[in-house]
Every structure is written in structure tokens, then in C-alpha cells.
Amino acid sequence: MTSQSVRTQIHARLVIDGVDEALRFYAEVFGADLLERFEDNEGAVVHAALQIGESTISVTEHSQYNTSASALESSPVILGRTLEDTDTVCARMVERGSEVIFTIADQHYGKREGRVRDPFGHLWILSRPIEDLDNEEIQRRLSEMD
């Protein structure tokens, strides 16, 4: 056994009903690369890791220890994905069973963005910067909205 250096970081672990279907979905819509996949003696995926852009997420099967977003019929967590073409990725997600929550549009805070629920119940904000705004300008625009 070799010693590995520890990378201190935070990453998401998504609990999913049907991990292998989710692995295909994330590969198709986000270009995710499968880094690793492990299953228990019954064939349930206990861990899989995906590289999406510069980030890594993990997925695991719904079990007595983990409750999936679809079982809860909601997700209290929203994942953000910054990318070049929000519209095309959103369309791919919808073609594969996702639901648009907020339509992709140019937002007053300098991003083209919207929200989508994937077929596994997880919420995603798809985002692309369209303006280079400082915090003061964003706050000014937010204050003028009411």
C-alpha cells in the first residue's frame, strides 16, 4: 500500500436510484468521464466518481443509509455547472428526461443561466458569464429589481 497526498477539497456525492443510468446521463449531457466505480456483493453501486470539467462528483445507490433526491421528491441542494453553451446542454438534458425549472435566459447579474431538474431529482444551475460585473454592480442591479 502506498501513501497518497491528501487533496483538501469539497465535492458532491449524489444519491441516485439507478446509478448506471445516471453515469450514462452525465456522460451524455456533461461529457463526464468515469474515474472509478465500485459495487457491493449484491451488485449495488456503492461509489462511482465522475470528472465533469475541472470538478469531480461521486454517485452512490439509494440504500438504507442514503436517500435519493427522487425518493424525497425534492433536492435541497443545487449544483452549479459553468459552461460555454448553456442552451445546448439544457436541450440535451431535456431530451434525456430533465425538467426545466427556470428557463435559460440572460440574467441581470451578468450570466446566461437557468435551472434544470435531472431525471434523478437533482437540481442544476447551468450558467455562462456574459458580463464582467463587480459585486457593487450586481448588488445595485438586484436592488433595482423591486
C-alpha atoms as a PDB file:
ATOM      1  CA  MET A   1       0.000   0.000   0.000  1.00  0.00           C
ATOM      2  CA  THR A   2       1.381   3.401  -0.945  1.00  0.00           C
ATOM      3  CA  SER A   3       0.859   6.687   0.811  1.00  0.00           C
ATOM      4  CA  GLN A   4      -1.017   9.342  -1.155  1.00  0.00           C
ATOM      5  CA  SER A   5      -1.046  13.049  -0.529  1.00  0.00           C
ATOM      6  CA  VAL A   6      -4.404  14.350   0.632  1.00  0.00           C
ATOM      7  CA  ARG A   7      -6.175  16.935  -1.518  1.00  0.00           C
ATOM      8  CA  THR A   8      -8.309  19.043   0.767  1.00  0.00           C
ATOM      9  CA  GLN A   9     -11.454  19.841  -1.163  1.00  0.00           C
ATOM     10  CA  ILE A  10     -15.211  19.540  -1.103  1.00  0.00           C
ATOM     11  CA  HIS A  11     -17.122  17.524  -3.675  1.00  0.00           C
ATOM     12  CA  ALA A  12     -20.718  16.424  -4.004  1.00  0.00           C
ATOM     13  CA  ARG A  13     -21.934  12.845  -3.605  1.00  0.00           C
ATOM     14  CA  LEU A  14     -25.276  12.348  -5.317  1.00  0.00           C
ATOM     15  CA  VAL A  15     -27.559   9.588  -4.059  1.00  0.00           C
ATOM     16  CA  ILE A  16     -29.365   8.096  -7.035  1.00  0.00           C
ATOM     17  CA  ASP A  17     -31.847   5.359  -7.866  1.00  0.00           C
ATOM     18  CA  GLY A  18     -30.154   3.655 -10.835  1.00  0.00           C
ATOM     19  CA  VAL A  19     -26.521   4.753 -10.740  1.00  0.00           C
ATOM     20  CA  ASP A  20     -25.512   3.196 -14.063  1.00  0.00           C
ATOM     21  CA  GLU A  21     -28.292   5.078 -15.861  1.00  0.00           C
ATOM     22  CA  ALA A  22     -27.079   8.276 -14.177  1.00  0.00           C
ATOM     23  CA  LEU A  23     -23.487   7.602 -15.229  1.00  0.00           C
ATOM     24  CA  ARG A  24     -24.634   7.369 -18.858  1.00  0.00           C
ATOM     25  CA  PHE A  25     -26.785  10.503 -18.480  1.00  0.00           C
ATOM     26  CA  TYR A  26     -23.958  12.641 -17.039  1.00  0.00           C
ATOM     27  CA  ALA A  27     -21.564  11.370 -19.717  1.00  0.00           C
ATOM     28  CA  GLU A  28     -24.041  12.286 -22.473  1.00  0.00           C
ATOM     29  CA  VAL A  29     -25.103  15.719 -21.194  1.00  0.00           C
ATOM     30  CA  PHE A  30     -21.929  16.971 -19.464  1.00  0.00           C
ATOM     31  CA  GLY A  31     -19.212  14.895 -21.124  1.00  0.00           C
ATOM     32  CA  ALA A  32     -18.424  13.294 -17.745  1.00  0.00           C
ATOM     33  CA  ASP A  33     -15.618  10.769 -17.591  1.00  0.00           C
ATOM     34  CA  LEU A  34     -15.951   7.785 -15.276  1.00  0.00           C
ATOM     35  CA  LEU A  35     -12.940   7.702 -12.925  1.00  0.00           C
ATOM     36  CA  GLU A  36     -13.934   4.753 -10.757  1.00  0.00           C
ATOM     37  CA  ARG A  37     -16.901   2.505  -9.983  1.00  0.00           C
ATOM     38  CA  PHE A  38     -17.321   0.014  -7.120  1.00  0.00           C
ATOM     39  CA  GLU A  39     -20.224  -2.269  -6.246  1.00  0.00           C
ATOM     40  CA  ASP A  40     -21.138  -4.453  -3.300  1.00  0.00           C
ATOM     41  CA  ASN A  41     -21.760  -8.210  -3.363  1.00  0.00           C
ATOM     42  CA  GLU A  42     -25.381  -7.657  -4.469  1.00  0.00           C
ATOM     43  CA  GLY A  43     -24.293  -5.511  -7.435  1.00  0.00           C
ATOM     44  CA  ALA A  44     -25.373  -2.132  -5.996  1.00  0.00           C
ATOM     45  CA  VAL A  45     -23.025   0.702  -6.855  1.00  0.00           C
ATOM     46  CA  VAL A  46     -21.623   1.929  -3.547  1.00  0.00           C
ATOM     47  CA  HIS A  47     -19.381   4.545  -5.161  1.00  0.00           C
ATOM     48  CA  ALA A  48     -18.611   5.925  -8.576  1.00  0.00           C
ATOM     49  CA  ALA A  49     -16.605   9.044  -9.324  1.00  0.00           C
ATOM     50  CA  LEU A  50     -17.034  11.250 -12.368  1.00  0.00           C
ATOM     51  CA  GLN A  51     -14.856  14.020 -13.744  1.00  0.00           C
ATOM     52  CA  ILE A  52     -17.004  16.869 -15.107  1.00  0.00           C
ATOM     53  CA  GLY A  53     -14.852  19.683 -16.407  1.00  0.00           C
ATOM     54  CA  GLU A  54     -12.435  20.538 -13.616  1.00  0.00           C
ATOM     55  CA  SER A  55     -14.655  19.035 -10.909  1.00  0.00           C
ATOM     56  CA  THR A  56     -15.242  15.575  -9.508  1.00  0.00           C
ATOM     57  CA  ILE A  57     -18.579  14.328  -8.210  1.00  0.00           C
ATOM     58  CA  SER A  58     -19.424  10.980  -6.685  1.00  0.00           C
ATOM     59  CA  VAL A  59     -22.604   8.982  -7.008  1.00  0.00           C
ATOM     60  CA  THR A  60     -23.964   6.166  -4.885  1.00  0.00           C
ATOM     61  CA  GLU A  61     -27.055   3.998  -4.976  1.00  0.00           C
ATOM     62  CA  HIS A  62     -30.124   4.728  -2.838  1.00  0.00           C
ATOM     63  CA  SER A  63     -29.945   2.436   0.216  1.00  0.00           C
ATOM     64  CA  GLN A  64     -30.945   2.170   3.858  1.00  0.00           C
ATOM     65  CA  TYR A  65     -28.061   4.575   4.584  1.00  0.00           C
ATOM     66  CA  ASN A  66     -28.618   7.062   1.748  1.00  0.00           C
ATOM     67  CA  THR A  67     -31.842   8.628   0.498  1.00  0.00           C
ATOM     68  CA  SER A  68     -32.069   9.745  -3.110  1.00  0.00           C
ATOM     69  CA  ALA A  69     -33.491  13.064  -4.260  1.00  0.00           C
ATOM     70  CA  SER A  70     -36.166  11.226  -6.254  1.00  0.00           C
ATOM     71  CA  ALA A  71     -37.276   9.320  -3.129  1.00  0.00           C
ATOM     72  CA  LEU A  72     -37.583  12.649  -1.315  1.00  0.00           C
ATOM     73  CA  GLU A  73     -39.370  14.135  -4.345  1.00  0.00           C
ATOM     74  CA  SER A  74     -37.085  17.156  -3.954  1.00  0.00           C
ATOM     75  CA  SER A  75     -33.477  18.180  -3.621  1.00  0.00           C
ATOM     76  CA  PRO A  76     -32.350  20.696  -1.013  1.00  0.00           C
ATOM     77  CA  VAL A  77     -29.033  21.130  -2.866  1.00  0.00           C
ATOM     78  CA  ILE A  78     -28.491  22.930  -6.159  1.00  0.00           C
ATOM     79  CA  LEU A  79     -25.421  22.034  -8.192  1.00  0.00           C
ATOM     80  CA  GLY A  80     -23.927  24.725 -10.403  1.00  0.00           C
ATOM     81  CA  ARG A  81     -22.299  23.973 -13.750  1.00  0.00           C
ATOM     82  CA  THR A  82     -20.447  26.751 -15.556  1.00  0.00           C
ATOM     83  CA  LEU A  83     -20.079  26.021 -19.257  1.00  0.00           C
ATOM     84  CA  GLU A  84     -19.794  27.598 -22.673  1.00  0.00           C
ATOM     85  CA  ASP A  85     -23.200  26.720 -24.123  1.00  0.00           C
ATOM     86  CA  THR A  86     -25.980  26.600 -21.547  1.00  0.00           C
ATOM     87  CA  ASP A  87     -28.731  26.364 -24.158  1.00  0.00           C
ATOM     88  CA  THR A  88     -27.352  23.259 -25.882  1.00  0.00           C
ATOM     89  CA  VAL A  89     -26.647  21.453 -22.610  1.00  0.00           C
ATOM     90  CA  CYS A  90     -30.123  22.319 -21.314  1.00  0.00           C
ATOM     91  CA  ALA A  91     -31.671  20.955 -24.520  1.00  0.00           C
ATOM     92  CA  ARG A  92     -29.651  17.713 -24.173  1.00  0.00           C
ATOM     93  CA  MET A  93     -30.803  17.365 -20.577  1.00  0.00           C
ATOM     94  CA  VAL A  94     -34.457  17.872 -21.531  1.00  0.00           C
ATOM     95  CA  GLU A  95     -34.162  15.367 -24.411  1.00  0.00           C
ATOM     96  CA  ARG A  96     -32.986  12.833 -21.842  1.00  0.00           C
ATOM     97  CA  GLY A  97     -35.797  13.375 -19.349  1.00  0.00           C
ATOM     98  CA  SER A  98     -34.891  16.508 -17.373  1.00  0.00           C
ATOM     99  CA  GLU A  99     -37.358  19.228 -16.416  1.00  0.00           C
ATOM    100  CA  VAL A 100     -36.709  22.954 -16.844  1.00  0.00           C
ATOM    101  CA  ILE A 101     -37.371  24.804 -13.571  1.00  0.00           C
ATOM    102  CA  PHE A 102     -36.180  28.251 -14.739  1.00  0.00           C
ATOM    103  CA  THR A 103     -35.691  28.827 -18.459  1.00  0.00           C
ATOM    104  CA  ILE A 104     -32.168  29.638 -19.622  1.00  0.00           C
ATOM    105  CA  ALA A 105     -32.034  33.415 -20.145  1.00  0.00           C
ATOM    106  CA  ASP A 106     -29.718  36.396 -19.836  1.00  0.00           C
ATOM    107  CA  GLN A 107     -29.851  37.448 -16.198  1.00  0.00           C
ATOM    108  CA  HIS A 108     -29.431  40.952 -14.781  1.00  0.00           C
ATOM    109  CA  TYR A 109     -26.422  39.801 -12.717  1.00  0.00           C
ATOM    110  CA  GLY A 110     -24.315  39.142 -15.806  1.00  0.00           C
ATOM    111  CA  LYS A 111     -24.913  35.467 -16.544  1.00  0.00           C
ATOM    112  CA  ARG A 112     -26.887  33.433 -19.033  1.00  0.00           C
ATOM    113  CA  GLU A 113     -28.407  30.866 -16.765  1.00  0.00           C
ATOM    114  CA  GLY A 114     -31.338  28.703 -15.780  1.00  0.00           C
ATOM    115  CA  ARG A 115     -32.250  25.754 -13.553  1.00  0.00           C
ATOM    116  CA  VAL A 116     -32.986  22.169 -14.537  1.00  0.00           C
ATOM    117  CA  ARG A 117     -34.008  19.066 -12.530  1.00  0.00           C
ATOM    118  CA  ASP A 118     -32.324  15.962 -13.887  1.00  0.00           C
ATOM    119  CA  PRO A 119     -34.195  12.631 -14.180  1.00  0.00           C
ATOM    120  CA  PHE A 120     -32.772  11.587 -10.787  1.00  0.00           C
ATOM    121  CA  GLY A 121     -34.217  14.581  -8.910  1.00  0.00           C
ATOM    122  CA  HIS A 122     -31.049  16.664  -8.661  1.00  0.00           C
ATOM    123  CA  LEU A 123     -31.182  20.385  -9.414  1.00  0.00           C
ATOM    124  CA  TRP A 124     -28.611  22.031 -11.670  1.00  0.00           C
ATOM    125  CA  ILE A 125     -27.989  25.689 -12.449  1.00  0.00           C
ATOM    126  CA  LEU A 126     -26.475  25.896 -15.929  1.00  0.00           C
ATOM    127  CA  SER A 127     -24.515  29.125 -16.173  1.00  0.00           C
ATOM    128  CA  ARG A 128     -22.285  31.112 -18.532  1.00  0.00           C
ATOM    129  CA  PRO A 129     -20.852  34.550 -17.703  1.00  0.00           C
ATOM    130  CA  ILE A 130     -21.935  37.181 -20.253  1.00  0.00           C
ATOM    131  CA  GLU A 131     -20.837  40.364 -18.444  1.00  0.00           C
ATOM    132  CA  ASP A 132     -17.881  41.114 -16.212  1.00  0.00           C
ATOM    133  CA  LEU A 133     -19.589  42.785 -13.249  1.00  0.00           C
ATOM    134  CA  ASP A 134     -18.162  43.681  -9.858  1.00  0.00           C
ATOM    135  CA  ASN A 135     -20.064  42.954  -6.635  1.00  0.00           C
ATOM    136  CA  GLU A 136     -21.277  46.539  -6.306  1.00  0.00           C
ATOM    137  CA  GLU A 137     -22.876  46.493  -9.759  1.00  0.00           C
ATOM    138  CA  ILE A 138     -24.548  43.151  -9.109  1.00  0.00           C
ATOM    139  CA  GLN A 139     -25.934  44.456  -5.801  1.00  0.00           C
ATOM    140  CA  ARG A 140     -27.113  47.673  -7.476  1.00  0.00           C
ATOM    141  CA  ARG A 141     -28.977  45.690 -10.117  1.00  0.00           C
ATOM    142  CA  LEU A 142     -30.518  43.398  -7.505  1.00  0.00           C
ATOM    143  CA  SER A 143     -31.671  46.424  -5.501  1.00  0.00           C
ATOM    144  CA  GLU A 144     -33.399  47.917  -8.557  1.00  0.00           C
ATOM    145  CA  MET A 145     -35.439  44.778  -9.229  1.00  0.00           C
ATOM    146  CA  ASP A 146     -38.264  45.548  -6.773  1.00  0.00           C
END
